[in-house]
């Protein structure tokens, strides 16, 4: 039965919000990866950093996933990426050291980027452009409130025994698998003739005949050439991506450094880490998500990014205060520093979460939402090489304080550049 545009939009919103509940459970486990490596498995700093690089390197595949979604097979792709990229966490039952954890994480990261272009393609196709940001904001509310509640239970279980991650992750993986399943089951709008097999258990036909290995390098490079062409033709989108590149370097610098800072310098318990990073870090994103979505619909993704990047700079500022004065020597409870840092983080990230996930739709032509988001996610991989390595080098040669101060400067630079873009768009 063919649905009217209004009925399709209502159905999409209902299922999307339901899926965000599952995504909240999954998100909680995913962001605790480096903390579990440092706290439960005593992973060295280079392995924690490598795990972050692996996550961001996997984003390179978003460009290929985006093209896959554009040419059909979205249902099948979502199903298999969910099964292999999330269901694989059942194998955590056999993990006993940080190297094994890293291997399982690599499989997760390989498939993680497929969801983003698929999600944006669906939002652009099934939801009116005037409500896309708002709908995503409500999704952020559901996802991050779920994550906040989930974090309380996970923190308690890991506090009882740090090796309980082996039993937590299989559950989170199976729950998280339901989100790509829900996306895969959403119908396409009337008139969409894109090939999309209804059956999940189908395998793409492989080309027959002799393989032309000489053409393989050109085939691998082609999506990047097309992305470069998109940047040349859409200069404002290229500027938007440049701003996220600047912001992202600072953000990526902090991802491996903060778990090490919490575990080895502040000596926080799992309950304190979970409360700071997931509970407090999610509440602001959840409560302010709908407002940030409406704000983007009104002032454009560039304007929202300006506010968000500036606010997020207070996150490393709070950490720098703790590193500067020495929280233990000053008689300050280390957990308070962590709670303050992630309180301001959650406020700023409420806007970043919206502009990162659906900001590309403000630039994408009709029908190109998934492709533009594929380019956007792929750029994460580029800065993912630079950010963690920079953070690791600065940490080893200077210290935590210097990493945090450098991050402040980079965040503010991104905010200034984004404001210049916003003014260009308004005029």
Protein backbone atom coordinates (compact mmCIF):
# COMPACT_ATOMS: atom_id res chain seq x y z
CA UNK A 1 0.00 0.00 0.00
CA UNK A 2 1.34 3.42 -1.01
CA UNK A 3 1.46 6.00 1.79
CA UNK A 4 0.76 9.68 1.36
CA UNK A 5 3.70 12.02 2.13
CA UNK A 6 2.09 13.02 5.45
CA UNK A 7 1.43 9.40 6.46
CA UNK A 8 4.95 8.39 5.45
CA UNK A 9 6.39 11.22 7.52
CA UNK A 10 4.38 10.22 10.60
CA UNK A 11 5.41 6.58 10.23
CA UNK A 12 9.06 7.53 9.77
CA UNK A 13 9.07 9.77 12.85
CA UNK A 14 7.46 7.10 15.05
CA UNK A 15 9.86 4.37 14.01
CA UNK A 16 12.85 6.70 14.04
CA UNK A 17 12.18 7.73 17.64
CA UNK A 18 11.67 4.10 18.63
CA UNK A 19 14.97 3.24 17.01
CA UNK A 20 16.70 5.98 18.96
CA UNK A 21 15.92 4.08 22.18
CA UNK A 22 18.00 1.18 20.87
CA UNK A 23 20.61 3.62 19.64
CA UNK A 24 20.90 5.04 23.16
CA UNK A 25 21.94 1.65 24.58
CA UNK A 26 24.41 1.17 21.74
CA UNK A 27 25.83 4.68 22.10
CA UNK A 28 26.53 4.13 25.80
CA UNK A 29 28.67 1.10 25.11
CA UNK A 30 30.43 2.65 22.14
CA UNK A 31 31.66 5.79 23.91
CA UNK A 32 32.90 3.73 26.85
CA UNK A 33 35.23 1.69 24.61
CA UNK A 34 38.43 3.65 25.43
CA UNK A 35 37.50 3.90 29.11
CA UNK A 36 37.05 0.13 29.35
CA UNK A 37 40.40 -0.39 27.64
CA UNK A 38 42.16 1.90 30.13
CA UNK A 39 40.25 0.94 33.28
CA UNK A 40 39.42 -2.78 32.89
CA UNK A 41 42.27 -3.95 30.68
CA UNK A 42 45.06 -1.52 31.66
CA UNK A 43 45.71 -0.76 27.99
CA UNK A 44 48.78 1.40 27.29
CA UNK A 45 48.27 4.91 25.95
CA UNK A 46 49.23 3.92 22.41
CA UNK A 47 46.48 1.28 22.26
CA UNK A 48 43.83 3.70 23.53
CA UNK A 49 44.99 6.19 20.90
CA UNK A 50 45.00 3.48 18.22
CA UNK A 51 41.42 2.54 19.06
CA UNK A 52 40.35 6.14 18.40
CA UNK A 53 42.29 6.21 15.13
CA UNK A 54 40.63 2.96 14.09
CA UNK A 55 37.20 4.42 14.82
CA UNK A 56 37.83 7.52 12.75
CA UNK A 57 39.59 5.59 9.98
CA UNK A 58 36.45 3.53 9.59
CA UNK A 59 34.65 6.75 8.71
CA UNK A 60 36.55 6.75 5.40
CA UNK A 61 34.15 4.04 4.31
CA UNK A 62 31.20 6.41 4.67
CA UNK A 63 31.89 7.74 1.19
CA UNK A 64 31.56 4.24 -0.26
CA UNK A 65 28.56 3.45 1.96
CA UNK A 66 26.93 6.72 0.82
CA UNK A 67 27.30 5.74 -2.84
CA UNK A 68 25.97 2.27 -2.02
CA UNK A 69 22.86 3.81 -0.46
CA UNK A 70 22.43 6.15 -3.42
CA UNK A 71 22.44 3.28 -5.93
CA UNK A 72 20.16 0.96 -3.98
CA UNK A 73 20.39 -1.93 -1.57
CA UNK A 74 19.81 0.17 1.53
CA UNK A 75 17.79 -2.50 3.34
CA UNK A 76 20.37 -5.17 2.74
CA UNK A 77 23.28 -2.90 3.64
CA UNK A 78 21.71 -1.80 6.90
CA UNK A 79 20.90 -5.36 7.91
CA UNK A 80 24.37 -6.77 7.31
CA UNK A 81 26.17 -3.76 8.77
CA UNK A 82 24.04 -4.09 11.91
CA UNK A 83 24.63 -7.82 12.19
CA UNK A 84 28.38 -7.65 11.61
CA UNK A 85 29.05 -4.28 13.19
CA UNK A 86 26.88 -4.59 16.29
CA UNK A 87 25.98 -8.23 16.72
CA UNK A 88 29.71 -8.97 16.67
CA UNK A 89 29.88 -7.73 20.27
CA UNK A 90 28.67 -11.17 21.35
CA UNK A 91 32.32 -12.16 20.88
CA UNK A 92 33.25 -9.95 23.87
CA UNK A 93 32.51 -13.04 25.96
CA UNK A 94 35.89 -14.37 24.81
CA UNK A 95 37.90 -11.14 25.28
CA UNK A 96 40.56 -11.27 28.01
CA UNK A 97 43.08 -8.55 27.07
CA UNK A 98 43.29 -5.14 25.42
CA UNK A 99 44.58 -6.53 22.11
CA UNK A 100 41.57 -8.80 21.71
CA UNK A 101 39.28 -5.90 22.66
CA UNK A 102 41.00 -3.78 19.99
CA UNK A 103 40.37 -6.43 17.33
CA UNK A 104 36.65 -6.64 18.12
CA UNK A 105 36.48 -2.85 18.16
CA UNK A 106 38.04 -2.76 14.70
CA UNK A 107 35.20 -4.87 13.29
CA UNK A 108 32.66 -2.57 14.95
CA UNK A 109 34.31 0.52 13.52
CA UNK A 110 34.50 -0.97 10.02
CA UNK A 111 30.71 -1.05 9.70
CA UNK A 112 29.76 1.88 11.96
CA UNK A 113 29.81 4.59 9.30
CA UNK A 114 27.13 2.99 7.10
CA UNK A 115 24.30 4.11 9.38
CA UNK A 116 24.97 7.86 8.93
CA UNK A 117 24.41 8.26 5.16
CA UNK A 118 21.49 5.81 5.31
CA UNK A 119 19.86 7.74 8.15
CA UNK A 120 20.26 11.10 6.42
CA UNK A 121 18.99 9.77 3.11
CA UNK A 122 15.86 8.53 4.88
CA UNK A 123 15.31 11.81 6.76
CA UNK A 124 15.66 13.82 3.55
CA UNK A 125 13.35 11.56 1.56
CA UNK A 126 10.62 10.98 4.13
CA UNK A 127 10.50 14.20 6.19
CA UNK A 128 9.82 17.74 5.00
CA UNK A 129 12.90 19.98 4.95
CA UNK A 130 11.35 22.45 7.41
CA UNK A 131 11.17 19.74 10.11
CA UNK A 132 14.30 17.66 9.55
CA UNK A 133 16.37 19.39 12.21
CA UNK A 134 13.51 19.32 14.71
CA UNK A 135 12.88 15.61 14.17
CA UNK A 136 16.55 14.84 14.62
CA UNK A 137 16.52 16.95 17.79
CA UNK A 138 13.70 14.86 19.24
CA UNK A 139 15.64 11.77 18.28
CA UNK A 140 18.63 13.14 20.18
CA UNK A 141 16.38 13.65 23.21
CA UNK A 142 15.26 10.02 23.15
CA UNK A 143 18.72 8.60 22.42
CA UNK A 144 20.61 10.55 25.05
CA UNK A 145 18.02 10.20 27.79
CA UNK A 146 18.14 6.46 27.19
CA UNK A 147 21.94 6.60 27.34
CA UNK A 148 21.83 8.60 30.57
CA UNK A 149 19.62 6.04 32.28
CA UNK A 150 21.60 3.14 30.84
CA UNK A 151 24.86 4.63 32.11
CA UNK A 152 23.71 4.34 35.71
CA UNK A 153 23.27 0.59 35.40
CA UNK A 154 26.47 0.06 33.42
CA UNK A 155 28.52 2.09 35.87
CA UNK A 156 27.13 0.09 38.79
CA UNK A 157 27.82 -3.27 37.10
CA UNK A 158 31.38 -2.32 36.11
CA UNK A 159 32.07 -0.96 39.58
CA UNK A 160 31.21 -4.35 41.06
CA UNK A 161 33.66 -6.07 38.74
CA UNK A 162 35.55 -4.31 35.87
CA UNK A 163 35.59 -7.51 33.77
CA UNK A 164 31.79 -7.48 33.58
CA UNK A 165 32.20 -5.62 30.29
CA UNK A 166 32.33 -9.12 28.73
CA UNK A 167 28.66 -9.62 29.61
CA UNK A 168 27.46 -6.05 29.09
CA UNK A 169 28.65 -5.59 25.51
CA UNK A 170 26.86 -8.62 23.98
CA UNK A 171 23.56 -7.28 25.35
CA UNK A 172 24.24 -3.73 24.11
CA UNK A 173 25.25 -5.04 20.68
CA UNK A 174 22.07 -7.04 20.20
CA UNK A 175 19.90 -4.15 21.36
CA UNK A 176 21.79 -1.75 19.10
CA UNK A 177 21.22 -4.10 16.15
CA UNK A 178 17.52 -3.25 16.21
CA UNK A 179 18.16 0.36 15.07
CA UNK A 180 19.51 -0.50 11.59
CA UNK A 181 16.74 -3.10 11.38
CA UNK A 182 14.13 -0.40 11.97
CA UNK A 183 15.74 1.88 9.38
CA UNK A 184 15.90 -0.99 6.90
CA UNK A 185 12.16 -1.58 7.27
CA UNK A 186 11.09 1.99 6.48
CA UNK A 187 9.30 2.41 3.13
CA UNK A 188 10.50 4.78 0.43
CA UNK A 189 8.39 7.71 -0.77
CA UNK A 190 5.99 7.33 -3.69
CA UNK A 191 7.71 7.56 -7.05
CA UNK A 192 11.12 6.43 -5.76
CA UNK A 193 12.37 3.84 -8.23
CA UNK A 194 15.70 3.09 -6.55
CA UNK A 195 16.40 -0.64 -6.52
CA UNK A 196 16.12 -1.83 -2.92
CA UNK A 197 15.52 -5.57 -2.45
CA UNK A 198 12.89 -6.24 0.20
CA UNK A 199 14.71 -9.34 1.46
CA UNK A 200 17.60 -8.94 3.87
CA UNK A 201 19.19 -12.32 3.18
CA UNK A 202 20.30 -11.57 -0.35
CA UNK A 203 23.85 -11.37 -1.58
CA UNK A 204 24.87 -8.89 -4.30
CA UNK A 205 25.78 -10.55 -7.58
CA UNK A 206 29.48 -10.59 -8.13
CA UNK A 207 30.80 -9.58 -11.58
CA UNK A 208 31.62 -12.58 -13.74
CA UNK A 209 34.62 -12.94 -15.97
CA UNK A 210 38.21 -11.87 -15.56
CA UNK A 211 38.91 -9.30 -12.86
CA UNK A 212 40.51 -6.13 -14.21
CA UNK A 213 42.98 -5.44 -11.41
CA UNK A 214 44.36 -2.47 -13.32
CA UNK A 215 41.04 -0.71 -12.83
CA UNK A 216 40.87 -1.30 -9.10
CA UNK A 217 42.95 1.75 -8.03
CA UNK A 218 40.82 4.06 -10.18
CA UNK A 219 37.63 2.55 -8.76
CA UNK A 220 38.87 3.07 -5.21
CA UNK A 221 39.87 6.68 -5.86
CA UNK A 222 36.76 7.63 -7.84
CA UNK A 223 34.51 8.47 -4.84
CA UNK A 224 37.18 10.83 -3.51
CA UNK A 225 37.51 12.54 -6.88
CA UNK A 226 33.76 13.01 -7.00
CA UNK A 227 33.83 14.43 -3.45
CA UNK A 228 36.54 16.89 -4.53
CA UNK A 229 34.35 17.93 -7.45
CA UNK A 230 31.45 18.48 -5.04
CA UNK A 231 33.63 20.75 -2.91
CA UNK A 232 34.70 22.79 -5.96
CA UNK A 233 31.11 23.21 -7.09
CA UNK A 234 29.63 23.86 -3.63
CA UNK A 235 32.08 26.23 -1.96
CA UNK A 236 29.86 26.93 1.03
CA UNK A 237 29.60 23.23 1.82
CA UNK A 238 33.38 23.00 1.49
CA UNK A 239 33.75 25.86 3.99
CA UNK A 240 31.29 24.16 6.33
CA UNK A 241 33.40 21.00 6.17
CA UNK A 242 36.59 22.99 6.75
CA UNK A 243 35.10 24.39 9.96
CA UNK A 244 34.21 20.91 11.15
CA UNK A 245 37.73 19.81 10.25
CA UNK A 246 39.17 22.47 12.57
CA UNK A 247 36.71 21.66 15.36
CA UNK A 248 37.23 17.94 14.88
CA UNK A 249 40.98 18.06 15.34
CA UNK A 250 40.48 19.43 18.87
CA UNK A 251 37.67 16.98 19.58
CA UNK A 252 39.75 14.02 18.38
CA UNK A 253 42.74 15.19 20.42
CA UNK A 254 40.70 14.82 23.58
CA UNK A 255 39.12 11.41 22.89
CA UNK A 256 42.20 9.31 23.83
CA UNK A 257 43.56 11.83 26.36
CA UNK A 258 40.46 12.17 28.57
CA UNK A 259 40.17 8.42 29.39
CA UNK A 260 43.86 8.39 30.37
CA UNK A 261 43.39 11.56 32.43
CA UNK A 262 40.40 10.12 34.26
CA UNK A 263 41.92 6.68 34.86
CA UNK A 264 45.53 7.56 35.70
CA UNK A 265 45.53 11.17 36.92
CA UNK A 266 42.14 11.58 38.59
CA UNK A 267 41.80 7.87 39.48
CA UNK A 268 38.03 7.97 39.03
CA UNK A 269 35.83 4.96 39.69
CA UNK A 270 33.68 3.44 36.94
CA UNK A 271 30.61 4.95 38.55
CA UNK A 272 32.18 8.42 38.42
CA UNK A 273 33.42 7.95 34.85
CA UNK A 274 30.04 6.67 33.66
CA UNK A 275 28.19 9.46 35.48
CA UNK A 276 30.43 12.14 33.96
CA UNK A 277 30.93 10.86 30.42
CA UNK A 278 27.51 9.32 29.75
CA UNK A 279 24.97 10.53 32.31
CA UNK A 280 25.97 14.21 32.57
CA UNK A 281 27.45 14.19 29.06
CA UNK A 282 24.10 13.07 27.65
CA UNK A 283 21.57 15.07 29.67
CA UNK A 284 22.32 18.40 28.00
CA UNK A 285 22.35 16.84 24.54
CA UNK A 286 19.01 15.19 25.29
CA UNK A 287 17.19 18.15 26.85
CA UNK A 288 18.58 20.75 24.45
CA UNK A 289 18.44 18.52 21.36
CA UNK A 290 14.93 19.59 20.22
CA UNK A 291 15.82 23.26 20.78
CA UNK A 292 19.05 22.86 18.81
CA UNK A 293 17.12 21.18 15.99
CA UNK A 294 14.61 24.02 15.77
CA UNK A 295 17.44 26.53 15.99
CA UNK A 296 19.19 24.97 13.01
CA UNK A 297 15.97 25.09 11.00
CA UNK A 298 15.80 28.83 11.78
CA UNK A 299 19.41 30.10 11.65
CA UNK A 300 21.13 27.49 9.44
CA UNK A 301 23.69 24.84 10.38
CA UNK A 302 26.56 27.35 10.14
CA UNK A 303 24.99 29.63 12.74
CA UNK A 304 24.29 26.74 15.09
CA UNK A 305 27.88 25.52 14.68
CA UNK A 306 29.23 28.92 15.68
CA UNK A 307 27.39 28.84 19.00
CA UNK A 308 28.18 25.19 19.60
CA UNK A 309 31.92 25.32 18.87
CA UNK A 310 32.31 28.30 21.17
CA UNK A 311 30.45 26.58 24.00
CA UNK A 312 32.38 23.31 23.63
CA UNK A 313 35.63 25.23 24.22
CA UNK A 314 34.60 25.41 27.89
CA UNK A 315 34.92 21.62 28.10
CA UNK A 316 38.75 21.50 27.83
CA UNK A 317 38.86 24.72 29.85
CA UNK A 318 37.34 22.90 32.84
CA UNK A 319 39.77 20.02 32.38
CA UNK A 320 42.68 22.46 32.14
CA UNK A 321 41.72 23.96 35.50
CA UNK A 322 41.91 20.51 37.06
CA UNK A 323 45.26 19.78 35.42
CA UNK A 324 46.65 23.26 36.18
CA UNK A 325 45.99 23.40 39.89
CA UNK A 326 46.31 19.71 40.64
CA UNK A 327 42.92 18.65 41.94
CA UNK A 328 44.22 16.40 44.66
CA UNK A 329 46.79 18.88 45.98
CA UNK A 330 44.15 21.60 46.01
CA UNK A 331 41.69 19.51 47.98
CA UNK A 332 39.15 19.47 45.14
CA UNK A 333 37.22 16.27 44.55
CA UNK A 334 38.46 14.96 41.16
CA UNK A 335 34.95 13.82 40.26
CA UNK A 336 33.73 17.44 40.44
CA UNK A 337 36.18 18.42 37.70
CA UNK A 338 34.90 15.59 35.52
CA UNK A 339 31.27 16.50 36.21
CA UNK A 340 31.83 20.20 35.44
CA UNK A 341 33.71 19.43 32.23
CA UNK A 342 30.99 17.17 30.86
CA UNK A 343 28.21 19.50 31.99
CA UNK A 344 29.47 22.25 29.66
CA UNK A 345 30.35 19.59 27.08
CA UNK A 346 26.76 18.36 26.96
CA UNK A 347 25.42 21.88 26.42
CA UNK A 348 27.77 22.60 23.53
CA UNK A 349 27.42 19.15 22.01
CA UNK A 350 23.64 19.49 21.87
CA UNK A 351 24.19 21.83 18.93
CA UNK A 352 27.18 20.00 17.48
CA UNK A 353 25.20 16.75 17.52
CA UNK A 354 22.51 18.29 15.33
CA UNK A 355 24.81 20.16 12.94
CA UNK A 356 27.16 17.16 12.61
CA UNK A 357 24.39 14.69 11.83
CA UNK A 358 21.97 16.70 9.70
CA UNK A 359 23.84 19.96 8.97
CA UNK A 360 24.87 18.64 5.56
CA UNK A 361 21.18 18.57 4.56
CA UNK A 362 21.22 22.38 4.63
CA UNK A 363 23.58 22.25 1.63
CA UNK A 364 22.54 19.05 -0.15
CA UNK A 365 20.42 19.24 -3.31
CA UNK A 366 17.23 17.12 -3.34
CA UNK A 367 18.04 13.43 -3.31
CA UNK A 368 21.68 14.01 -2.35
CA UNK A 369 21.30 13.99 1.45
CA UNK A 370 22.86 10.57 1.94
CA UNK A 371 25.72 11.34 -0.45
CA UNK A 372 26.53 14.68 1.20
CA UNK A 373 26.49 13.05 4.62
CA UNK A 374 28.77 10.33 3.29
CA UNK A 375 31.28 13.03 2.36
CA UNK A 376 30.81 14.70 5.74
CA UNK A 377 31.40 11.50 7.71
CA UNK A 378 34.41 10.61 5.57
CA UNK A 379 36.05 13.89 6.56
CA UNK A 380 35.99 12.58 10.15
CA UNK A 381 38.52 9.97 9.07
CA UNK A 382 40.84 12.63 7.71
CA UNK A 383 40.93 14.58 10.96
CA UNK A 384 40.90 11.29 12.81
CA UNK A 385 44.47 10.74 11.68
CA UNK A 386 45.59 14.16 12.86
CA UNK A 387 43.68 14.70 16.11
CA UNK A 388 44.52 11.61 18.20
CA UNK A 389 48.15 11.63 17.05
CA UNK A 390 48.48 15.32 17.95
CA UNK A 391 46.92 14.74 21.35
CA UNK A 392 49.21 11.77 22.02
CA UNK A 393 52.38 13.66 21.01
CA UNK A 394 51.50 16.77 23.02
CA UNK A 395 50.60 14.61 26.03
CA UNK A 396 53.88 12.71 25.91
CA UNK A 397 56.09 15.73 25.26
CA UNK A 398 54.33 18.35 27.40
CA UNK A 399 51.42 17.11 29.49
CA UNK A 400 47.67 17.06 30.00
CA UNK A 401 47.41 20.79 30.63
CA UNK A 402 48.98 21.68 27.29
CA UNK A 403 46.63 19.33 25.42
CA UNK A 404 43.61 21.03 26.98
CA UNK A 405 44.85 24.57 26.29
CA UNK A 406 45.58 23.72 22.65
CA UNK A 407 42.08 22.28 22.29
CA UNK A 408 40.55 25.52 23.60
CA UNK A 409 42.38 27.55 20.95
CA UNK A 410 41.33 25.21 18.14
CA UNK A 411 37.66 25.15 19.20
CA UNK A 412 37.54 28.96 19.27
CA UNK A 413 39.18 29.13 15.83
CA UNK A 414 36.46 26.88 14.44
CA UNK A 415 33.77 29.07 16.02
CA UNK A 416 35.21 32.22 14.42
CA UNK A 417 35.45 30.63 10.97
CA UNK A 418 31.91 29.30 11.26
CA UNK A 419 30.61 32.76 12.12
CA UNK A 420 32.27 34.16 8.98
CA UNK A 421 30.54 31.48 6.90
CA UNK A 422 27.22 32.24 8.57
CA UNK A 423 27.55 35.91 7.67
CA UNK A 424 28.36 34.99 4.07
CA UNK A 425 25.25 32.81 3.85
CA UNK A 426 22.99 35.50 5.35
CA UNK A 427 24.23 38.09 2.86
